[in-house]
Amino acid sequence: MNKRAFCHDYRRPGSYLITIVTEPRLPLFGRLKMGPIPYTELSPLGQRIRRAELLRITYYYPNVEVCRYVIMPDHIHILIKIKYPFADEKDSLGSVVRGFKIGCNRAYRELNGLAEHPGIFEEGYNDKWIHREGQFDAWKVYIADNPRRLALKRQNPELFTTKYGYQIADKNCEIYGNYFLLNIPDREAVIVRSHDKEPDFERKFAYWRQHCEAGGTLVSAAISKRERQVINWAKDQGYPVIELCDCGFPPLWKPPGRDFDCCAAGKLLLISPWAYQYGKPPITRRECQDLNRLAEAIAGHPAIL
């Protein structure tokens, strides 16, 4: 739960998505109610947090605005905006989260008649510093969509599970998603060479569209802009995609945005020949070449020229 933008000063104005989870993922805040529009039916503790503890954030820190939140059975997402610097130089985003946790722990003790308790949360928290255009609105949508995403995971657990040590082309891979896509015999590797002219790309794209329409699967690391264009098109159209990644999948990870829905529909398999590495540096040329060779191996033949 410790992900920090080490170059950023968390005392300064900014927007953040905060995630805190219970230890050990106990559903203390409520239960998921299924239906056309899934939602969390809050427990007494969840109701107390919604009615009181979230409001106390701005009471104690007037420069902090709680813009959005969602209380899930075992975790809470809070979209926070620090509007101006803290009055006390000792305070920061960490002080806000620490105070909120203290209030939630106190509420738990009071509701359960406990004089002492070690606390209900995992140590630390996850923060995402929102500093690019469009991120804020995207995270608002993510927060609102959280119950639906959890419902889909519970309905299709096999599509949201990481498998380790999966042998593909003599490599120990981590895979996530619908591994049955590897059983579809008609697979094509999507690789666009740097020397490909625009007519060459258009010819390839037409071939890949025809391949998908005939029931085939695309395989790609989607490294270049034009490869990404093809894979995005396939995902938007609901065609099956096997996508290669340069890093594995951390515990409790789930794909963001459209990829989540593609997984839920059984239309996406993510494969990494390397284990997860926090803070992994940008992909190298050699890694790109390795992923393209793996894509060709999965396709069963070289990419079209």
C-alpha atoms as a PDB file:
ATOM      1  CA  MET A   1       0.000   0.000   0.000  1.00  0.00           C
ATOM      2  CA  ASN A   2       3.000   2.343  -0.223  1.00  0.00           C
ATOM      3  CA  LYS A   3       3.188   4.070  -3.592  1.00  0.00           C
ATOM      4  CA  ARG A   4       4.592   7.547  -3.465  1.00  0.00           C
ATOM      5  CA  ALA A   5       5.611  10.099  -6.062  1.00  0.00           C
ATOM      6  CA  PHE A   6       8.986  10.695  -4.432  1.00  0.00           C
ATOM      7  CA  CYS A   7       9.602  13.838  -6.479  1.00  0.00           C
ATOM      8  CA  HIS A   8       6.374  15.450  -5.243  1.00  0.00           C
ATOM      9  CA  ASP A   9       5.794  17.579  -2.150  1.00  0.00           C
ATOM     10  CA  TYR A  10       2.606  16.297  -0.494  1.00  0.00           C
ATOM     11  CA  ARG A  11       2.229  19.499   1.515  1.00  0.00           C
ATOM     12  CA  ARG A  12       1.489  21.499  -1.620  1.00  0.00           C
ATOM     13  CA  PRO A  13      -1.867  21.919  -3.404  1.00  0.00           C
ATOM     14  CA  GLY A  14      -2.835  18.953  -5.547  1.00  0.00           C
ATOM     15  CA  SER A  15      -5.380  16.221  -6.164  1.00  0.00           C
ATOM     16  CA  TYR A  16      -5.026  12.604  -5.064  1.00  0.00           C
ATOM     17  CA  LEU A  17      -6.858   9.306  -5.118  1.00  0.00           C
ATOM     18  CA  ILE A  18      -6.392   7.642  -1.729  1.00  0.00           C
ATOM     19  CA  THR A  19      -7.033   3.937  -1.136  1.00  0.00           C
ATOM     20  CA  ILE A  20      -6.996   2.289   2.278  1.00  0.00           C
ATOM     21  CA  VAL A  21      -7.912  -1.329   2.959  1.00  0.00           C
ATOM     22  CA  THR A  22      -8.839  -3.374   6.001  1.00  0.00           C
ATOM     23  CA  GLU A  23      -6.514  -5.940   7.548  1.00  0.00           C
ATOM     24  CA  PRO A  24      -6.743  -8.678   6.323  1.00  0.00           C
ATOM     25  CA  ARG A  25      -9.322  -7.550   3.730  1.00  0.00           C
ATOM     26  CA  LEU A  26     -12.187  -8.036   6.186  1.00  0.00           C
ATOM     27  CA  PRO A  27     -15.577  -6.768   4.886  1.00  0.00           C
ATOM     28  CA  LEU A  28     -16.114  -4.468   7.851  1.00  0.00           C
ATOM     29  CA  PHE A  29     -17.828  -1.653   5.960  1.00  0.00           C
ATOM     30  CA  GLY A  30     -20.744  -3.554   4.438  1.00  0.00           C
ATOM     31  CA  ARG A  31     -21.647  -6.109   1.798  1.00  0.00           C
ATOM     32  CA  LEU A  32     -22.026  -5.939  -1.945  1.00  0.00           C
ATOM     33  CA  LYS A  33     -25.614  -6.026  -3.150  1.00  0.00           C
ATOM     34  CA  MET A  34     -25.953  -7.476  -6.625  1.00  0.00           C
ATOM     35  CA  GLY A  35     -28.553  -6.412  -9.158  1.00  0.00           C
ATOM     36  CA  PRO A  36     -28.860  -4.163 -12.204  1.00  0.00           C
ATOM     37  CA  ILE A  37     -26.916  -1.475 -10.325  1.00  0.00           C
ATOM     38  CA  PRO A  38     -24.628  -3.090  -7.705  1.00  0.00           C
ATOM     39  CA  TYR A  39     -23.922  -1.104  -4.559  1.00  0.00           C
ATOM     40  CA  THR A  40     -22.476  -1.491  -1.068  1.00  0.00           C
ATOM     41  CA  GLU A  41     -25.041  -1.956   1.673  1.00  0.00           C
ATOM     42  CA  LEU A  42     -23.181  -0.227   4.498  1.00  0.00           C
ATOM     43  CA  SER A  43     -22.659  -1.779   7.917  1.00  0.00           C
ATOM     44  CA  PRO A  44     -23.045   0.401  11.036  1.00  0.00           C
ATOM     45  CA  LEU A  45     -19.316   1.135  10.768  1.00  0.00           C
ATOM     46  CA  GLY A  46     -19.627   2.028   7.092  1.00  0.00           C
ATOM     47  CA  GLN A  47     -22.542   4.342   7.877  1.00  0.00           C
ATOM     48  CA  ARG A  48     -20.569   5.996  10.668  1.00  0.00           C
ATOM     49  CA  ILE A  49     -17.646   6.609   8.326  1.00  0.00           C
ATOM     50  CA  ARG A  50     -19.925   8.120   5.690  1.00  0.00           C
ATOM     51  CA  ARG A  51     -21.879  10.325   8.124  1.00  0.00           C
ATOM     52  CA  ALA A  52     -19.041  11.468  10.362  1.00  0.00           C
ATOM     53  CA  GLU A  53     -15.454  10.456   9.644  1.00  0.00           C
ATOM     54  CA  LEU A  54     -15.340  11.662   6.035  1.00  0.00           C
ATOM     55  CA  LEU A  55     -16.817  15.014   7.093  1.00  0.00           C
ATOM     56  CA  ARG A  56     -14.183  15.386   9.797  1.00  0.00           C
ATOM     57  CA  ILE A  57     -11.443  15.534   7.164  1.00  0.00           C
ATOM     58  CA  THR A  58     -12.466  19.027   6.085  1.00  0.00           C
ATOM     59  CA  TYR A  59     -13.341  20.014   9.670  1.00  0.00           C
ATOM     60  CA  TYR A  60      -9.783  19.381  10.834  1.00  0.00           C
ATOM     61  CA  TYR A  61      -8.150  20.389   7.540  1.00  0.00           C
ATOM     62  CA  PRO A  62     -10.139  23.257   5.935  1.00  0.00           C
ATOM     63  CA  ASN A  63      -7.741  23.280   2.981  1.00  0.00           C
ATOM     64  CA  VAL A  64      -8.715  19.700   2.054  1.00  0.00           C
ATOM     65  CA  GLU A  65     -11.811  18.950  -0.009  1.00  0.00           C
ATOM     66  CA  VAL A  66     -13.299  15.442  -0.268  1.00  0.00           C
ATOM     67  CA  CYS A  67     -14.462  15.484  -3.892  1.00  0.00           C
ATOM     68  CA  ARG A  68     -15.654  11.882  -4.277  1.00  0.00           C
ATOM     69  CA  TYR A  69     -15.526   8.667  -2.297  1.00  0.00           C
ATOM     70  CA  VAL A  70     -16.785   5.117  -2.363  1.00  0.00           C
ATOM     71  CA  ILE A  71     -16.979   2.781   0.615  1.00  0.00           C
ATOM     72  CA  MET A  72     -16.539  -0.830  -0.452  1.00  0.00           C
ATOM     73  CA  PRO A  73     -16.846  -3.871   1.848  1.00  0.00           C
ATOM     74  CA  ASP A  74     -13.109  -4.015   2.606  1.00  0.00           C
ATOM     75  CA  HIS A  75     -11.627  -0.781   1.290  1.00  0.00           C
ATOM     76  CA  ILE A  76     -12.301   2.912   0.773  1.00  0.00           C
ATOM     77  CA  HIS A  77     -11.394   5.175  -2.148  1.00  0.00           C
ATOM     78  CA  ILE A  78     -11.308   8.931  -1.503  1.00  0.00           C
ATOM     79  CA  LEU A  79     -10.676  11.577  -4.150  1.00  0.00           C
ATOM     80  CA  ILE A  80      -9.048  14.445  -2.269  1.00  0.00           C
ATOM     81  CA  LYS A  81      -8.067  17.953  -3.332  1.00  0.00           C
ATOM     82  CA  ILE A  82      -5.607  20.026  -1.294  1.00  0.00           C
ATOM     83  CA  LYS A  83      -6.636  23.568  -2.191  1.00  0.00           C
ATOM     84  CA  TYR A  84      -3.819  25.507  -0.525  1.00  0.00           C
ATOM     85  CA  PRO A  85      -0.760  24.690   1.619  1.00  0.00           C
ATOM     86  CA  PHE A  86      -1.218  23.378   5.137  1.00  0.00           C
ATOM     87  CA  ALA A  87      -1.046  25.937   7.936  1.00  0.00           C
ATOM     88  CA  ASP A  88       1.266  23.698   9.938  1.00  0.00           C
ATOM     89  CA  GLU A  89       4.428  22.772   8.060  1.00  0.00           C
ATOM     90  CA  LYS A  90       4.409  19.390   9.820  1.00  0.00           C
ATOM     91  CA  ASP A  91       1.131  18.447   8.101  1.00  0.00           C
ATOM     92  CA  SER A  92       0.811  16.811   4.704  1.00  0.00           C
ATOM     93  CA  LEU A  93      -1.409  14.360   2.833  1.00  0.00           C
ATOM     94  CA  GLY A  94      -0.083  11.652   5.153  1.00  0.00           C
ATOM     95  CA  SER A  95      -1.401  13.583   8.172  1.00  0.00           C
ATOM     96  CA  VAL A  96      -4.872  13.665   6.603  1.00  0.00           C
ATOM     97  CA  VAL A  97      -4.926   9.920   5.981  1.00  0.00           C
ATOM     98  CA  ARG A  98      -3.495   9.156   9.408  1.00  0.00           C
ATOM     99  CA  GLY A  99      -6.178  11.274  11.114  1.00  0.00           C
ATOM    100  CA  PHE A 100      -8.949   9.655   9.065  1.00  0.00           C
ATOM    101  CA  LYS A 101      -7.715   6.193  10.030  1.00  0.00           C
ATOM    102  CA  ILE A 102      -7.604   7.176  13.696  1.00  0.00           C
ATOM    103  CA  GLY A 103     -11.229   8.315  13.506  1.00  0.00           C
ATOM    104  CA  CYS A 104     -12.345   5.091  11.796  1.00  0.00           C
ATOM    105  CA  ASN A 105     -10.502   2.981  14.373  1.00  0.00           C
ATOM    106  CA  ARG A 106     -12.159   4.932  17.180  1.00  0.00           C
ATOM    107  CA  ALA A 107     -15.582   4.398  15.572  1.00  0.00           C
ATOM    108  CA  TYR A 108     -14.919   0.657  15.353  1.00  0.00           C
ATOM    109  CA  ARG A 109     -14.003   0.465  19.032  1.00  0.00           C
ATOM    110  CA  GLU A 110     -17.054   2.460  20.104  1.00  0.00           C
ATOM    111  CA  LEU A 111     -19.479   0.420  17.991  1.00  0.00           C
ATOM    112  CA  ASN A 112     -18.062  -2.839  19.337  1.00  0.00           C
ATOM    113  CA  GLY A 113     -17.606  -1.764  22.952  1.00  0.00           C
ATOM    114  CA  LEU A 114     -13.840  -2.226  22.885  1.00  0.00           C
ATOM    115  CA  ALA A 115     -11.463  -0.326  25.125  1.00  0.00           C
ATOM    116  CA  GLU A 116      -8.478  -1.203  22.906  1.00  0.00           C
ATOM    117  CA  HIS A 117      -7.915  -2.585  19.430  1.00  0.00           C
ATOM    118  CA  PRO A 118      -4.803  -2.627  17.195  1.00  0.00           C
ATOM    119  CA  GLY A 119      -6.695  -1.033  14.309  1.00  0.00           C
ATOM    120  CA  ILE A 120      -8.741  -2.202  11.352  1.00  0.00           C
ATOM    121  CA  PHE A 121      -6.516  -1.082   8.469  1.00  0.00           C
ATOM    122  CA  GLU A 122      -3.476  -2.418   6.692  1.00  0.00           C
ATOM    123  CA  GLU A 123      -0.354  -0.380   7.345  1.00  0.00           C
ATOM    124  CA  GLY A 124       0.116   2.502   4.955  1.00  0.00           C
ATOM    125  CA  TYR A 125      -2.099   3.558   2.075  1.00  0.00           C
ATOM    126  CA  ASN A 126      -2.003   3.917  -1.678  1.00  0.00           C
ATOM    127  CA  ASP A 127      -2.008   7.342  -3.284  1.00  0.00           C
ATOM    128  CA  LYS A 128      -2.210   8.361  -6.908  1.00  0.00           C
ATOM    129  CA  TRP A 129      -1.093  11.900  -7.597  1.00  0.00           C
ATOM    130  CA  ILE A 130      -3.417  13.360 -10.233  1.00  0.00           C
ATOM    131  CA  HIS A 131      -1.300  15.688 -12.331  1.00  0.00           C
ATOM    132  CA  ARG A 132      -2.285  15.072 -15.958  1.00  0.00           C
ATOM    133  CA  GLU A 133      -5.234  16.510 -17.841  1.00  0.00           C
ATOM    134  CA  GLY A 134      -8.272  14.251 -17.759  1.00  0.00           C
ATOM    135  CA  GLN A 135      -7.084  12.130 -14.821  1.00  0.00           C
ATOM    136  CA  PHE A 136      -9.392  13.745 -12.290  1.00  0.00           C
ATOM    137  CA  ASP A 137     -12.561  13.030 -14.287  1.00  0.00           C
ATOM    138  CA  ALA A 138     -11.332   9.517 -15.070  1.00  0.00           C
ATOM    139  CA  TRP A 139     -10.900   8.721 -11.377  1.00  0.00           C
ATOM    140  CA  LYS A 140     -14.377  10.085 -10.601  1.00  0.00           C
ATOM    141  CA  VAL A 141     -15.770   7.584 -13.092  1.00  0.00           C
ATOM    142  CA  TYR A 142     -13.602   4.819 -11.589  1.00  0.00           C
ATOM    143  CA  ILE A 143     -14.908   5.531  -8.082  1.00  0.00           C
ATOM    144  CA  ALA A 144     -18.545   5.501  -9.219  1.00  0.00           C
ATOM    145  CA  ASP A 145     -17.955   2.254 -11.135  1.00  0.00           C
ATOM    146  CA  ASN A 146     -16.306   0.373  -8.245  1.00  0.00           C
ATOM    147  CA  PRO A 147     -19.337  -1.683  -7.115  1.00  0.00           C
ATOM    148  CA  ARG A 148     -20.066  -2.827 -10.664  1.00  0.00           C
ATOM    149  CA  ARG A 149     -16.466  -3.870 -11.154  1.00  0.00           C
ATOM    150  CA  LEU A 150     -16.494  -5.871  -7.923  1.00  0.00           C
ATOM    151  CA  ALA A 151     -19.739  -7.569  -8.986  1.00  0.00           C
ATOM    152  CA  LEU A 152     -18.165  -8.598 -12.289  1.00  0.00           C
ATOM    153  CA  LYS A 153     -15.108  -9.979 -10.494  1.00  0.00           C
ATOM    154  CA  ARG A 154     -17.274 -12.063  -8.191  1.00  0.00           C
ATOM    155  CA  GLN A 155     -19.350 -13.345 -11.098  1.00  0.00           C
ATOM    156  CA  ASN A 156     -16.247 -14.262 -13.134  1.00  0.00           C
ATOM    157  CA  PRO A 157     -13.421 -14.962 -10.659  1.00  0.00           C
ATOM    158  CA  GLU A 158     -11.481 -17.128 -13.118  1.00  0.00           C
ATOM    159  CA  LEU A 159     -11.126 -14.134 -15.461  1.00  0.00           C
ATOM    160  CA  PHE A 160      -9.560 -11.962 -12.767  1.00  0.00           C
ATOM    161  CA  THR A 161      -6.884 -14.279 -11.445  1.00  0.00           C
ATOM    162  CA  THR A 162      -3.128 -14.187 -12.008  1.00  0.00           C
ATOM    163  CA  LYS A 163      -1.510 -17.504 -12.902  1.00  0.00           C
ATOM    164  CA  TYR A 164       2.209 -17.835 -12.275  1.00  0.00           C
ATOM    165  CA  GLY A 165       4.799 -20.050 -13.940  1.00  0.00           C
ATOM    166  CA  TYR A 166       2.680 -20.604 -17.046  1.00  0.00           C
ATOM    167  CA  GLN A 167       4.893 -22.101 -19.751  1.00  0.00           C
ATOM    168  CA  ILE A 168       4.688 -20.256 -23.062  1.00  0.00           C
ATOM    169  CA  ALA A 169       7.404 -20.669 -25.693  1.00  0.00           C
ATOM    170  CA  ASP A 170       9.884 -21.968 -23.096  1.00  0.00           C
ATOM    171  CA  LYS A 171       9.266 -18.970 -20.835  1.00  0.00           C
ATOM    172  CA  ASN A 172       7.800 -18.881 -17.333  1.00  0.00           C
ATOM    173  CA  CYS A 173       5.078 -16.280 -17.722  1.00  0.00           C
ATOM    174  CA  GLU A 174       2.565 -14.528 -15.539  1.00  0.00           C
ATOM    175  CA  ILE A 175      -0.859 -14.444 -17.184  1.00  0.00           C
ATOM    176  CA  TYR A 176      -4.053 -12.632 -16.287  1.00  0.00           C
ATOM    177  CA  GLY A 177      -7.435 -13.016 -17.950  1.00  0.00           C
ATOM    178  CA  ASN A 178      -8.962 -15.634 -20.199  1.00  0.00           C
ATOM    179  CA  TYR A 179      -6.143 -18.131 -20.813  1.00  0.00           C
ATOM    180  CA  PHE A 180      -8.471 -20.166 -23.045  1.00  0.00           C
ATOM    181  CA  LEU A 181      -7.701 -17.596 -25.768  1.00  0.00           C
ATOM    182  CA  LEU A 182      -4.440 -19.517 -26.174  1.00  0.00           C
ATOM    183  CA  ASN A 183      -6.546 -22.440 -27.432  1.00  0.00           C
ATOM    184  CA  ILE A 184      -7.969 -20.457 -30.343  1.00  0.00           C
ATOM    185  CA  PRO A 185      -5.864 -21.786 -33.241  1.00  0.00           C
ATOM    186  CA  ASP A 186      -6.252 -18.758 -35.523  1.00  0.00           C
ATOM    187  CA  ARG A 187      -3.905 -16.155 -34.036  1.00  0.00           C
ATOM    188  CA  GLU A 188      -2.053 -13.299 -35.710  1.00  0.00           C
ATOM    189  CA  ALA A 189       0.817 -11.230 -34.311  1.00  0.00           C
ATOM    190  CA  VAL A 190       0.340  -7.469 -34.639  1.00  0.00           C
ATOM    191  CA  ILE A 191       3.788  -5.984 -35.236  1.00  0.00           C
ATOM    192  CA  VAL A 192       4.341  -2.742 -37.130  1.00  0.00           C
ATOM    193  CA  ARG A 193       7.946  -2.116 -38.175  1.00  0.00           C
ATOM    194  CA  SER A 194       9.462   1.338 -37.897  1.00  0.00           C
ATOM    195  CA  HIS A 195      10.205   1.296 -41.631  1.00  0.00           C
ATOM    196  CA  ASP A 196       6.607   0.501 -42.591  1.00  0.00           C
ATOM    197  CA  LYS A 197       5.146   3.222 -44.772  1.00  0.00           C
ATOM    198  CA  GLU A 198       1.544   4.290 -44.326  1.00  0.00           C
ATOM    199  CA  PRO A 199       0.292   2.145 -47.262  1.00  0.00           C
ATOM    200  CA  ASP A 200       2.045  -0.870 -45.700  1.00  0.00           C
ATOM    201  CA  PHE A 201       0.309  -0.209 -42.390  1.00  0.00           C
ATOM    202  CA  GLU A 202      -3.091   0.231 -44.024  1.00  0.00           C
ATOM    203  CA  ARG A 203      -2.633  -3.080 -45.848  1.00  0.00           C
ATOM    204  CA  LYS A 204      -1.735  -4.831 -42.604  1.00  0.00           C
ATOM    205  CA  PHE A 205      -4.591  -3.195 -40.717  1.00  0.00           C
ATOM    206  CA  ALA A 206      -7.077  -4.370 -43.356  1.00  0.00           C
ATOM    207  CA  TYR A 207      -5.676  -7.906 -43.018  1.00  0.00           C
ATOM    208  CA  TRP A 208      -5.991  -7.833 -39.198  1.00  0.00           C
ATOM    209  CA  ARG A 209      -9.570  -6.509 -39.412  1.00  0.00           C
ATOM    210  CA  GLN A 210     -10.475  -9.361 -41.743  1.00  0.00           C
ATOM    211  CA  HIS A 211      -8.743 -11.813 -39.413  1.00  0.00           C
ATOM    212  CA  CYS A 212     -10.824 -10.622 -36.417  1.00  0.00           C
ATOM    213  CA  GLU A 213     -14.065 -10.661 -38.381  1.00  0.00           C
ATOM    214  CA  ALA A 214     -13.357 -14.284 -39.298  1.00  0.00           C
ATOM    215  CA  GLY A 215     -13.096 -15.242 -35.606  1.00  0.00           C
ATOM    216  CA  GLY A 216      -9.356 -14.941 -35.050  1.00  0.00           C
ATOM    217  CA  THR A 217      -7.357 -13.494 -32.150  1.00  0.00           C
ATOM    218  CA  LEU A 218      -4.729 -10.746 -32.254  1.00  0.00           C
ATOM    219  CA  VAL A 219      -1.465 -11.026 -30.318  1.00  0.00           C
ATOM    220  CA  SER A 220       0.677  -7.967 -29.650  1.00  0.00           C
ATOM    221  CA  ALA A 221       2.828  -6.064 -27.181  1.00  0.00           C
ATOM    222  CA  ALA A 222       1.201  -2.925 -28.613  1.00  0.00           C
ATOM    223  CA  ILE A 223       4.418  -0.975 -28.175  1.00  0.00           C
ATOM    224  CA  SER A 224       4.279   1.467 -31.075  1.00  0.00           C
ATOM    225  CA  LYS A 225       1.547   4.009 -31.671  1.00  0.00           C
ATOM    226  CA  ARG A 226       0.236   2.139 -34.705  1.00  0.00           C
ATOM    227  CA  GLU A 227       0.259  -1.231 -32.937  1.00  0.00           C
ATOM    228  CA  ARG A 228      -1.694   0.382 -30.111  1.00  0.00           C
ATOM    229  CA  GLN A 229      -4.155   1.756 -32.677  1.00  0.00           C
ATOM    230  CA  VAL A 230      -4.882  -1.760 -33.961  1.00  0.00           C
ATOM    231  CA  ILE A 231      -5.248  -3.294 -30.497  1.00  0.00           C
ATOM    232  CA  ASN A 232      -7.468  -0.449 -29.292  1.00  0.00           C
ATOM    233  CA  TRP A 233      -9.687  -0.963 -32.328  1.00  0.00           C
ATOM    234  CA  ALA A 234      -9.970  -4.699 -31.610  1.00  0.00           C
ATOM    235  CA  LYS A 235     -10.862  -4.091 -27.959  1.00  0.00           C
ATOM    236  CA  ASP A 236     -13.447  -1.445 -28.896  1.00  0.00           C
ATOM    237  CA  GLN A 237     -15.053  -3.900 -31.330  1.00  0.00           C
ATOM    238  CA  GLY A 238     -15.124  -6.710 -28.761  1.00  0.00           C
ATOM    239  CA  TYR A 239     -12.647  -8.987 -30.537  1.00  0.00           C
ATOM    240  CA  PRO A 240     -10.334 -11.277 -28.512  1.00  0.00           C
ATOM    241  CA  VAL A 241      -6.853  -9.918 -27.799  1.00  0.00           C
ATOM    242  CA  ILE A 242      -3.732 -11.436 -26.257  1.00  0.00           C
ATOM    243  CA  GLU A 243      -1.600  -8.526 -25.055  1.00  0.00           C
ATOM    244  CA  LEU A 244       2.007  -8.872 -23.913  1.00  0.00           C
ATOM    245  CA  CYS A 245       3.281  -6.752 -21.027  1.00  0.00           C
ATOM    246  CA  ASP A 246       6.785  -5.770 -19.934  1.00  0.00           C
ATOM    247  CA  CYS A 247       5.986  -6.297 -16.249  1.00  0.00           C
ATOM    248  CA  GLY A 248       3.992  -8.848 -14.255  1.00  0.00           C
ATOM    249  CA  PHE A 249       0.989  -8.256 -12.047  1.00  0.00           C
ATOM    250  CA  PRO A 250       1.163  -7.263  -8.352  1.00  0.00           C
ATOM    251  CA  PRO A 251      -1.124  -8.826  -5.727  1.00  0.00           C
ATOM    252  CA  LEU A 252      -4.769  -7.690  -5.917  1.00  0.00           C
ATOM    253  CA  TRP A 253      -4.098  -5.975  -9.240  1.00  0.00           C
ATOM    254  CA  LYS A 254      -6.904  -5.570 -11.725  1.00  0.00           C
ATOM    255  CA  PRO A 255      -6.858  -3.957 -15.165  1.00  0.00           C
ATOM    256  CA  PRO A 256      -8.139  -0.403 -15.514  1.00  0.00           C
ATOM    257  CA  GLY A 257     -10.957   1.019 -17.601  1.00  0.00           C
ATOM    258  CA  ARG A 258     -11.890  -0.748 -20.808  1.00  0.00           C
ATOM    259  CA  ASP A 259      -9.462  -3.611 -20.165  1.00  0.00           C
ATOM    260  CA  PHE A 260     -11.463  -4.560 -17.080  1.00  0.00           C
ATOM    261  CA  ASP A 261     -14.616  -4.952 -19.156  1.00  0.00           C
ATOM    262  CA  CYS A 262     -12.703  -6.869 -21.825  1.00  0.00           C
ATOM    263  CA  CYS A 263     -11.536  -9.292 -19.117  1.00  0.00           C
ATOM    264  CA  ALA A 264     -15.066  -9.638 -17.778  1.00  0.00           C
ATOM    265  CA  ALA A 265     -16.257 -10.510 -21.278  1.00  0.00           C
ATOM    266  CA  GLY A 266     -13.495 -13.122 -21.660  1.00  0.00           C
ATOM    267  CA  LYS A 267     -11.955 -11.180 -24.543  1.00  0.00           C
ATOM    268  CA  LEU A 268      -8.549 -10.336 -23.067  1.00  0.00           C
ATOM    269  CA  LEU A 269      -5.494 -12.249 -21.905  1.00  0.00           C
ATOM    270  CA  LEU A 270      -2.493 -10.360 -20.518  1.00  0.00           C
ATOM    271  CA  ILE A 271       0.888 -12.110 -20.553  1.00  0.00           C
ATOM    272  CA  SER A 272       4.227 -11.049 -19.087  1.00  0.00           C
ATOM    273  CA  PRO A 273       7.412 -13.117 -19.417  1.00  0.00           C
ATOM    274  CA  TRP A 274       8.819 -11.144 -16.446  1.00  0.00           C
ATOM    275  CA  ALA A 275       7.711 -10.944 -12.830  1.00  0.00           C
ATOM    276  CA  TYR A 276       6.220  -7.813 -11.345  1.00  0.00           C
ATOM    277  CA  GLN A 277       8.784  -5.176 -10.389  1.00  0.00           C
ATOM    278  CA  TYR A 278       7.686  -2.041  -8.568  1.00  0.00           C
ATOM    279  CA  GLY A 279       9.170   1.069 -10.108  1.00  0.00           C
ATOM    280  CA  LYS A 280      10.330  -0.779 -13.221  1.00  0.00           C
ATOM    281  CA  PRO A 281      12.229   1.514 -15.600  1.00  0.00           C
ATOM    282  CA  PRO A 282      10.892   2.175 -19.105  1.00  0.00           C
ATOM    283  CA  ILE A 283      10.910  -0.716 -21.541  1.00  0.00           C
ATOM    284  CA  THR A 284      14.184  -1.227 -23.400  1.00  0.00           C
ATOM    285  CA  ARG A 285      14.719  -1.963 -27.075  1.00  0.00           C
ATOM    286  CA  ARG A 286      15.808  -5.491 -26.244  1.00  0.00           C
ATOM    287  CA  GLU A 287      12.670  -6.088 -24.177  1.00  0.00           C
ATOM    288  CA  CYS A 288      10.573  -4.821 -27.085  1.00  0.00           C
ATOM    289  CA  GLN A 289      12.277  -7.299 -29.393  1.00  0.00           C
ATOM    290  CA  ASP A 290      11.761 -10.114 -26.870  1.00  0.00           C
ATOM    291  CA  LEU A 291       8.042  -9.320 -26.610  1.00  0.00           C
ATOM    292  CA  ASN A 292       7.650  -9.228 -30.389  1.00  0.00           C
ATOM    293  CA  ARG A 293       9.369 -12.605 -30.698  1.00  0.00           C
ATOM    294  CA  LEU A 294       7.028 -13.973 -28.031  1.00  0.00           C
ATOM    295  CA  ALA A 295       4.033 -12.582 -29.934  1.00  0.00           C
ATOM    296  CA  GLU A 296       5.209 -14.404 -33.058  1.00  0.00           C
ATOM    297  CA  ALA A 297       5.726 -17.606 -31.054  1.00  0.00           C
ATOM    298  CA  ILE A 298       2.202 -17.424 -29.652  1.00  0.00           C
ATOM    299  CA  ALA A 299       0.825 -16.770 -33.118  1.00  0.00           C
ATOM    300  CA  GLY A 300       2.690 -19.832 -34.324  1.00  0.00           C
ATOM    301  CA  HIS A 301       4.359 -18.045 -37.232  1.00  0.00           C
ATOM    302  CA  PRO A 302       6.156 -14.778 -38.018  1.00  0.00           C
ATOM    303  CA  ALA A 303       4.126 -11.584 -38.264  1.00  0.00           C
ATOM    304  CA  ILE A 304       2.950 -10.649 -41.743  1.00  0.00           C
ATOM    305  CA  LEU A 305       5.421  -8.525 -43.696  1.00  0.00           C
END
